[in-house]
Amino acid sequence: FSFENLEQTIQFDIDITSFNENPSQSEYIIWKLDESLGVGCNAQGFDIGLESERIHFRHWDDNFCAIEAYISIDYILQENFNRITFSTDHEFLKAYINGVIVDSAAITENYQIGKGNSPILLAGGAVENILFGGLLDNFSIWNIALSQEQIQSNMNSELIGNEQGLVGYWKFNAGEGDILYDHSGNQNHGDIN
């Protein structure tokens, strides 16, 4: 899938049982980075990770270093599911928890959202043995920037699967075996391993 209009929303429910004790390394919740041109500022895509004091969302464009937004642990209810949303439009990257905006970062002019060609990895990244130790549910990707009103509306009901801009929707409670089924109708099924 692509983000041709330079907008996207990543949304998921997360239950964090404990926070990362290693301040120098993130536990990757979601990893979609193309590092074929190099790592760091040469990467393309995005990653979401759990650090000792926050959850970060970083967008990478090989022409610029990352644009980042954060959700502090002060906002996160431990041992409960929290709805996390990161939304990107032409101007800002925004971070929401349970429908409330908690951080935003301005997007640099000419910044390219959605560059890179790589699979999405959930609960881990490209680095072995750096795995997320919590629970994920209701993971969705959109090729539009959801408004705060849309985010709040989606919180208390299950998605139908045909919503405008919905690219992928994984409920984690359907099917069996080693397939993670996409319920958006776009057949972006995943492998469980």
C-alpha atoms as a PDB file:
ATOM      1  CA  PHE A   1       0.000   0.000   0.000  1.00  0.00           C
ATOM      2  CA  SER A   2       1.064   3.569  -0.521  1.00  0.00           C
ATOM      3  CA  PHE A   3       0.535   6.978   1.000  1.00  0.00           C
ATOM      4  CA  GLU A   4       0.399   8.950  -2.242  1.00  0.00           C
ATOM      5  CA  ASN A   5      -1.479  11.869  -0.681  1.00  0.00           C
ATOM      6  CA  LEU A   6       1.272  12.141   1.969  1.00  0.00           C
ATOM      7  CA  GLU A   7      -1.166  11.353   4.775  1.00  0.00           C
ATOM      8  CA  GLN A   8      -1.415   8.354   7.050  1.00  0.00           C
ATOM      9  CA  THR A   9      -2.777   7.187  10.368  1.00  0.00           C
ATOM     10  CA  ILE A  10      -1.496   4.275  12.436  1.00  0.00           C
ATOM     11  CA  GLN A  11      -3.879   3.162  15.182  1.00  0.00           C
ATOM     12  CA  PHE A  12      -3.773   0.288  17.660  1.00  0.00           C
ATOM     13  CA  ASP A  13      -4.688  -0.819  21.151  1.00  0.00           C
ATOM     14  CA  ILE A  14      -1.776  -1.592  23.431  1.00  0.00           C
ATOM     15  CA  ASP A  15      -1.440  -3.128  26.873  1.00  0.00           C
ATOM     16  CA  ILE A  16       1.966  -2.499  28.398  1.00  0.00           C
ATOM     17  CA  THR A  17       2.809  -4.680  31.355  1.00  0.00           C
ATOM     18  CA  SER A  18       6.180  -3.045  31.984  1.00  0.00           C
ATOM     19  CA  PHE A  19       8.363  -0.375  30.450  1.00  0.00           C
ATOM     20  CA  ASN A  20      11.700  -0.901  28.780  1.00  0.00           C
ATOM     21  CA  GLU A  21      14.466  -0.735  31.377  1.00  0.00           C
ATOM     22  CA  ASN A  22      17.208  -0.127  28.788  1.00  0.00           C
ATOM     23  CA  PRO A  23      17.198   3.597  27.957  1.00  0.00           C
ATOM     24  CA  SER A  24      19.586   3.129  25.025  1.00  0.00           C
ATOM     25  CA  GLN A  25      17.416   0.664  23.063  1.00  0.00           C
ATOM     26  CA  SER A  26      13.766   0.724  21.992  1.00  0.00           C
ATOM     27  CA  GLU A  27      11.452  -2.253  22.059  1.00  0.00           C
ATOM     28  CA  TYR A  28       9.908  -2.010  18.614  1.00  0.00           C
ATOM     29  CA  ILE A  29       6.135  -2.178  18.520  1.00  0.00           C
ATOM     30  CA  ILE A  30       5.927  -1.552  14.766  1.00  0.00           C
ATOM     31  CA  TRP A  31       8.783  -1.441  12.271  1.00  0.00           C
ATOM     32  CA  LYS A  32       8.403  -0.427   8.631  1.00  0.00           C
ATOM     33  CA  LEU A  33      11.817   0.865   7.679  1.00  0.00           C
ATOM     34  CA  ASP A  34      13.575   0.423   4.369  1.00  0.00           C
ATOM     35  CA  GLU A  35      17.275   0.562   5.190  1.00  0.00           C
ATOM     36  CA  SER A  36      18.501  -0.438   1.723  1.00  0.00           C
ATOM     37  CA  LEU A  37      20.039   3.053   1.291  1.00  0.00           C
ATOM     38  CA  GLY A  38      21.563   2.995   4.771  1.00  0.00           C
ATOM     39  CA  VAL A  39      20.522   3.318   8.393  1.00  0.00           C
ATOM     40  CA  GLY A  40      19.680   6.358  10.492  1.00  0.00           C
ATOM     41  CA  CYS A  41      19.032   9.445   8.376  1.00  0.00           C
ATOM     42  CA  ASN A  42      19.286   7.353   5.200  1.00  0.00           C
ATOM     43  CA  ALA A  43      16.333   5.116   6.127  1.00  0.00           C
ATOM     44  CA  GLN A  44      12.831   5.461   4.671  1.00  0.00           C
ATOM     45  CA  GLY A  45       9.552   4.642   6.436  1.00  0.00           C
ATOM     46  CA  PHE A  46       8.521   4.680  10.085  1.00  0.00           C
ATOM     47  CA  ASP A  47       8.956   2.931  13.407  1.00  0.00           C
ATOM     48  CA  ILE A  48       7.041   2.951  16.687  1.00  0.00           C
ATOM     49  CA  GLY A  49       8.913   1.902  19.788  1.00  0.00           C
ATOM     50  CA  LEU A  50       8.684   1.701  23.540  1.00  0.00           C
ATOM     51  CA  GLU A  51      11.428   3.454  25.463  1.00  0.00           C
ATOM     52  CA  SER A  52      11.920   3.797  29.206  1.00  0.00           C
ATOM     53  CA  GLU A  53       9.865   6.999  29.469  1.00  0.00           C
ATOM     54  CA  ARG A  54       7.706   7.109  26.317  1.00  0.00           C
ATOM     55  CA  ILE A  55       6.375   5.617  23.114  1.00  0.00           C
ATOM     56  CA  HIS A  56       7.935   7.216  20.046  1.00  0.00           C
ATOM     57  CA  PHE A  57       6.710   7.486  16.463  1.00  0.00           C
ATOM     58  CA  ARG A  58       9.452   8.347  13.982  1.00  0.00           C
ATOM     59  CA  HIS A  59       9.024   9.039  10.293  1.00  0.00           C
ATOM     60  CA  TRP A  60      12.163   8.692   8.204  1.00  0.00           C
ATOM     61  CA  ASP A  61      12.854  10.304   4.826  1.00  0.00           C
ATOM     62  CA  ASP A  62      16.251   9.673   3.265  1.00  0.00           C
ATOM     63  CA  ASN A  63      16.643  13.420   2.624  1.00  0.00           C
ATOM     64  CA  PHE A  64      15.994  14.409   6.249  1.00  0.00           C
ATOM     65  CA  CYS A  65      16.487  12.795   9.633  1.00  0.00           C
ATOM     66  CA  ALA A  66      13.443  11.575  11.534  1.00  0.00           C
ATOM     67  CA  ILE A  67      10.456  13.659  12.509  1.00  0.00           C
ATOM     68  CA  GLU A  68       9.277  12.396  15.891  1.00  0.00           C
ATOM     69  CA  ALA A  69       6.235  12.591  18.183  1.00  0.00           C
ATOM     70  CA  TYR A  70       5.982  11.036  21.636  1.00  0.00           C
ATOM     71  CA  ILE A  71       3.519   9.736  24.186  1.00  0.00           C
ATOM     72  CA  SER A  72       4.903  10.028  27.713  1.00  0.00           C
ATOM     73  CA  ILE A  73       4.422   7.126  30.122  1.00  0.00           C
ATOM     74  CA  ASP A  74       2.533   9.597  32.321  1.00  0.00           C
ATOM     75  CA  TYR A  75      -0.448   9.257  29.956  1.00  0.00           C
ATOM     76  CA  ILE A  76      -0.388   5.451  29.701  1.00  0.00           C
ATOM     77  CA  LEU A  77      -2.533   3.277  31.930  1.00  0.00           C
ATOM     78  CA  GLN A  78      -0.423   0.216  32.721  1.00  0.00           C
ATOM     79  CA  GLU A  79      -2.037  -3.219  32.604  1.00  0.00           C
ATOM     80  CA  ASN A  80      -4.988  -1.773  30.635  1.00  0.00           C
ATOM     81  CA  PHE A  81      -5.524  -1.373  26.920  1.00  0.00           C
ATOM     82  CA  ASN A  82      -4.840   2.139  25.636  1.00  0.00           C
ATOM     83  CA  ARG A  83      -5.777   3.360  22.135  1.00  0.00           C
ATOM     84  CA  ILE A  84      -2.675   4.797  20.483  1.00  0.00           C
ATOM     85  CA  THR A  85      -3.008   6.865  17.311  1.00  0.00           C
ATOM     86  CA  PHE A  86      -0.314   8.555  15.257  1.00  0.00           C
ATOM     87  CA  SER A  87      -1.639  10.718  12.447  1.00  0.00           C
ATOM     88  CA  THR A  88       0.306  12.532   9.753  1.00  0.00           C
ATOM     89  CA  ASP A  89      -0.985  15.197   7.382  1.00  0.00           C
ATOM     90  CA  HIS A  90       0.859  17.726   5.237  1.00  0.00           C
ATOM     91  CA  GLU A  91       1.740  19.895   8.240  1.00  0.00           C
ATOM     92  CA  PHE A  92       2.011  17.852  11.448  1.00  0.00           C
ATOM     93  CA  LEU A  93       2.737  14.459  12.914  1.00  0.00           C
ATOM     94  CA  LYS A  94       0.345  14.061  15.874  1.00  0.00           C
ATOM     95  CA  ALA A  95       0.304  11.629  18.788  1.00  0.00           C
ATOM     96  CA  TYR A  96      -2.949  10.701  20.557  1.00  0.00           C
ATOM     97  CA  ILE A  97      -3.726   8.458  23.490  1.00  0.00           C
ATOM     98  CA  ASN A  98      -7.323   7.421  24.110  1.00  0.00           C
ATOM     99  CA  GLY A  99      -8.493  10.120  21.685  1.00  0.00           C
ATOM    100  CA  VAL A 100      -6.598  13.008  23.302  1.00  0.00           C
ATOM    101  CA  ILE A 101      -3.728  14.711  21.462  1.00  0.00           C
ATOM    102  CA  VAL A 102      -0.572  14.719  23.595  1.00  0.00           C
ATOM    103  CA  ASP A 103       2.190  15.743  21.170  1.00  0.00           C
ATOM    104  CA  SER A 104       2.777  17.063  17.670  1.00  0.00           C
ATOM    105  CA  ALA A 105       5.748  17.876  15.477  1.00  0.00           C
ATOM    106  CA  ALA A 106       5.870  20.129  12.429  1.00  0.00           C
ATOM    107  CA  ILE A 107       6.647  18.415   9.136  1.00  0.00           C
ATOM    108  CA  THR A 108       9.467  19.955   7.141  1.00  0.00           C
ATOM    109  CA  GLU A 109       8.646  21.331   3.709  1.00  0.00           C
ATOM    110  CA  ASN A 110       9.292  18.741   0.956  1.00  0.00           C
ATOM    111  CA  TYR A 111       9.324  15.911   3.501  1.00  0.00           C
ATOM    112  CA  GLN A 112       8.159  12.637   1.929  1.00  0.00           C
ATOM    113  CA  ILE A 113       5.666  10.621   3.997  1.00  0.00           C
ATOM    114  CA  GLY A 114       5.496   6.912   3.233  1.00  0.00           C
ATOM    115  CA  LYS A 115       8.712   6.484   1.282  1.00  0.00           C
ATOM    116  CA  GLY A 116      10.459   3.151   1.338  1.00  0.00           C
ATOM    117  CA  ASN A 117       9.563  -0.387   0.449  1.00  0.00           C
ATOM    118  CA  SER A 118       9.584  -2.820   3.333  1.00  0.00           C
ATOM    119  CA  PRO A 119       7.183  -5.139   5.138  1.00  0.00           C
ATOM    120  CA  ILE A 120       5.536  -4.191   8.413  1.00  0.00           C
ATOM    121  CA  LEU A 121       6.926  -6.038  11.417  1.00  0.00           C
ATOM    122  CA  LEU A 122       4.787  -6.102  14.556  1.00  0.00           C
ATOM    123  CA  ALA A 123       6.197  -6.604  18.071  1.00  0.00           C
ATOM    124  CA  GLY A 124       9.767  -6.430  16.832  1.00  0.00           C
ATOM    125  CA  GLY A 125      12.121  -4.777  14.408  1.00  0.00           C
ATOM    126  CA  ALA A 126      14.953  -5.735  12.146  1.00  0.00           C
ATOM    127  CA  VAL A 127      17.256  -6.214  15.142  1.00  0.00           C
ATOM    128  CA  GLU A 128      16.943  -9.694  16.609  1.00  0.00           C
ATOM    129  CA  ASN A 129      15.930 -10.190  20.240  1.00  0.00           C
ATOM    130  CA  ILE A 130      14.531  -6.667  20.669  1.00  0.00           C
ATOM    131  CA  LEU A 131      10.889  -7.598  20.982  1.00  0.00           C
ATOM    132  CA  PHE A 132       7.916  -5.754  22.391  1.00  0.00           C
ATOM    133  CA  GLY A 133       6.744  -7.354  25.637  1.00  0.00           C
ATOM    134  CA  GLY A 134       3.118  -6.195  25.707  1.00  0.00           C
ATOM    135  CA  LEU A 135      -0.148  -6.928  23.909  1.00  0.00           C
ATOM    136  CA  LEU A 136      -1.433  -5.437  20.628  1.00  0.00           C
ATOM    137  CA  ASP A 137      -4.986  -5.438  19.282  1.00  0.00           C
ATOM    138  CA  ASN A 138      -7.106  -3.700  16.632  1.00  0.00           C
ATOM    139  CA  PHE A 139      -4.147  -2.542  14.535  1.00  0.00           C
ATOM    140  CA  SER A 140      -5.149  -0.367  11.568  1.00  0.00           C
ATOM    141  CA  ILE A 141      -3.371   1.634   8.896  1.00  0.00           C
ATOM    142  CA  TRP A 142      -5.061   4.416   6.956  1.00  0.00           C
ATOM    143  CA  ASN A 143      -3.937   6.432   3.925  1.00  0.00           C
ATOM    144  CA  ILE A 144      -5.664   9.525   5.308  1.00  0.00           C
ATOM    145  CA  ALA A 145      -5.014  11.635   8.392  1.00  0.00           C
ATOM    146  CA  LEU A 146      -7.867  10.893  10.776  1.00  0.00           C
ATOM    147  CA  SER A 147      -9.221  13.901  12.658  1.00  0.00           C
ATOM    148  CA  GLN A 148      -9.519  13.891  16.437  1.00  0.00           C
ATOM    149  CA  GLU A 149     -13.289  13.453  16.057  1.00  0.00           C
ATOM    150  CA  GLN A 150     -12.802  10.383  13.827  1.00  0.00           C
ATOM    151  CA  ILE A 151     -10.262   8.934  16.260  1.00  0.00           C
ATOM    152  CA  GLN A 152     -12.647   9.366  19.168  1.00  0.00           C
ATOM    153  CA  SER A 153     -15.536   7.893  17.175  1.00  0.00           C
ATOM    154  CA  ASN A 154     -13.499   4.773  16.333  1.00  0.00           C
ATOM    155  CA  MET A 155     -12.542   4.177  19.976  1.00  0.00           C
ATOM    156  CA  ASN A 156     -15.845   2.796  21.179  1.00  0.00           C
ATOM    157  CA  SER A 157     -16.848   0.660  18.229  1.00  0.00           C
ATOM    158  CA  GLU A 158     -15.297  -2.015  16.082  1.00  0.00           C
ATOM    159  CA  LEU A 159     -14.399  -0.981  12.547  1.00  0.00           C
ATOM    160  CA  ILE A 160     -16.606  -2.398   9.797  1.00  0.00           C
ATOM    161  CA  GLY A 161     -13.674  -2.759   7.401  1.00  0.00           C
ATOM    162  CA  ASN A 162     -14.849  -0.578   4.532  1.00  0.00           C
ATOM    163  CA  GLU A 163     -14.179   2.844   6.059  1.00  0.00           C
ATOM    164  CA  GLN A 164     -12.782   5.509   3.730  1.00  0.00           C
ATOM    165  CA  GLY A 165      -8.992   5.450   3.714  1.00  0.00           C
ATOM    166  CA  LEU A 166      -8.665   2.163   5.621  1.00  0.00           C
ATOM    167  CA  VAL A 167      -5.746   0.225   4.105  1.00  0.00           C
ATOM    168  CA  GLY A 168      -5.338  -2.585   6.633  1.00  0.00           C
ATOM    169  CA  TYR A 169      -7.121  -3.767   9.768  1.00  0.00           C
ATOM    170  CA  TRP A 170      -5.939  -6.664  11.909  1.00  0.00           C
ATOM    171  CA  LYS A 171      -8.090  -7.712  14.885  1.00  0.00           C
ATOM    172  CA  PHE A 172      -5.807 -10.468  16.265  1.00  0.00           C
ATOM    173  CA  ASN A 173      -8.839 -12.521  17.296  1.00  0.00           C
ATOM    174  CA  ALA A 174      -9.922 -14.101  14.024  1.00  0.00           C
ATOM    175  CA  GLY A 175      -8.717 -17.154  12.170  1.00  0.00           C
ATOM    176  CA  GLU A 176      -6.270 -19.763  13.249  1.00  0.00           C
ATOM    177  CA  GLY A 177      -2.824 -20.986  12.405  1.00  0.00           C
ATOM    178  CA  ASP A 178      -0.032 -18.717  11.242  1.00  0.00           C
ATOM    179  CA  ILE A 179      -2.014 -16.119   9.242  1.00  0.00           C
ATOM    180  CA  LEU A 180      -2.936 -12.684  10.585  1.00  0.00           C
ATOM    181  CA  TYR A 181      -6.041 -11.758   8.600  1.00  0.00           C
ATOM    182  CA  ASP A 182      -6.631  -8.267   7.239  1.00  0.00           C
ATOM    183  CA  HIS A 183     -10.281  -7.276   7.784  1.00  0.00           C
ATOM    184  CA  SER A 184     -10.161  -4.169   5.574  1.00  0.00           C
ATOM    185  CA  GLY A 185     -11.059  -6.112   2.431  1.00  0.00           C
ATOM    186  CA  ASN A 186      -7.643  -5.263   0.917  1.00  0.00           C
ATOM    187  CA  GLN A 187      -6.185  -8.712   1.702  1.00  0.00           C
ATOM    188  CA  ASN A 188      -3.014  -7.412   3.365  1.00  0.00           C
ATOM    189  CA  HIS A 189      -2.750 -10.644   5.343  1.00  0.00           C
ATOM    190  CA  GLY A 190       0.317 -11.217   7.479  1.00  0.00           C
ATOM    191  CA  ASP A 191       2.397 -14.142   8.629  1.00  0.00           C
ATOM    192  CA  ILE A 192       2.629 -15.016  12.329  1.00  0.00           C
ATOM    193  CA  ASN A 193       5.977 -16.415  13.442  1.00  0.00           C
END
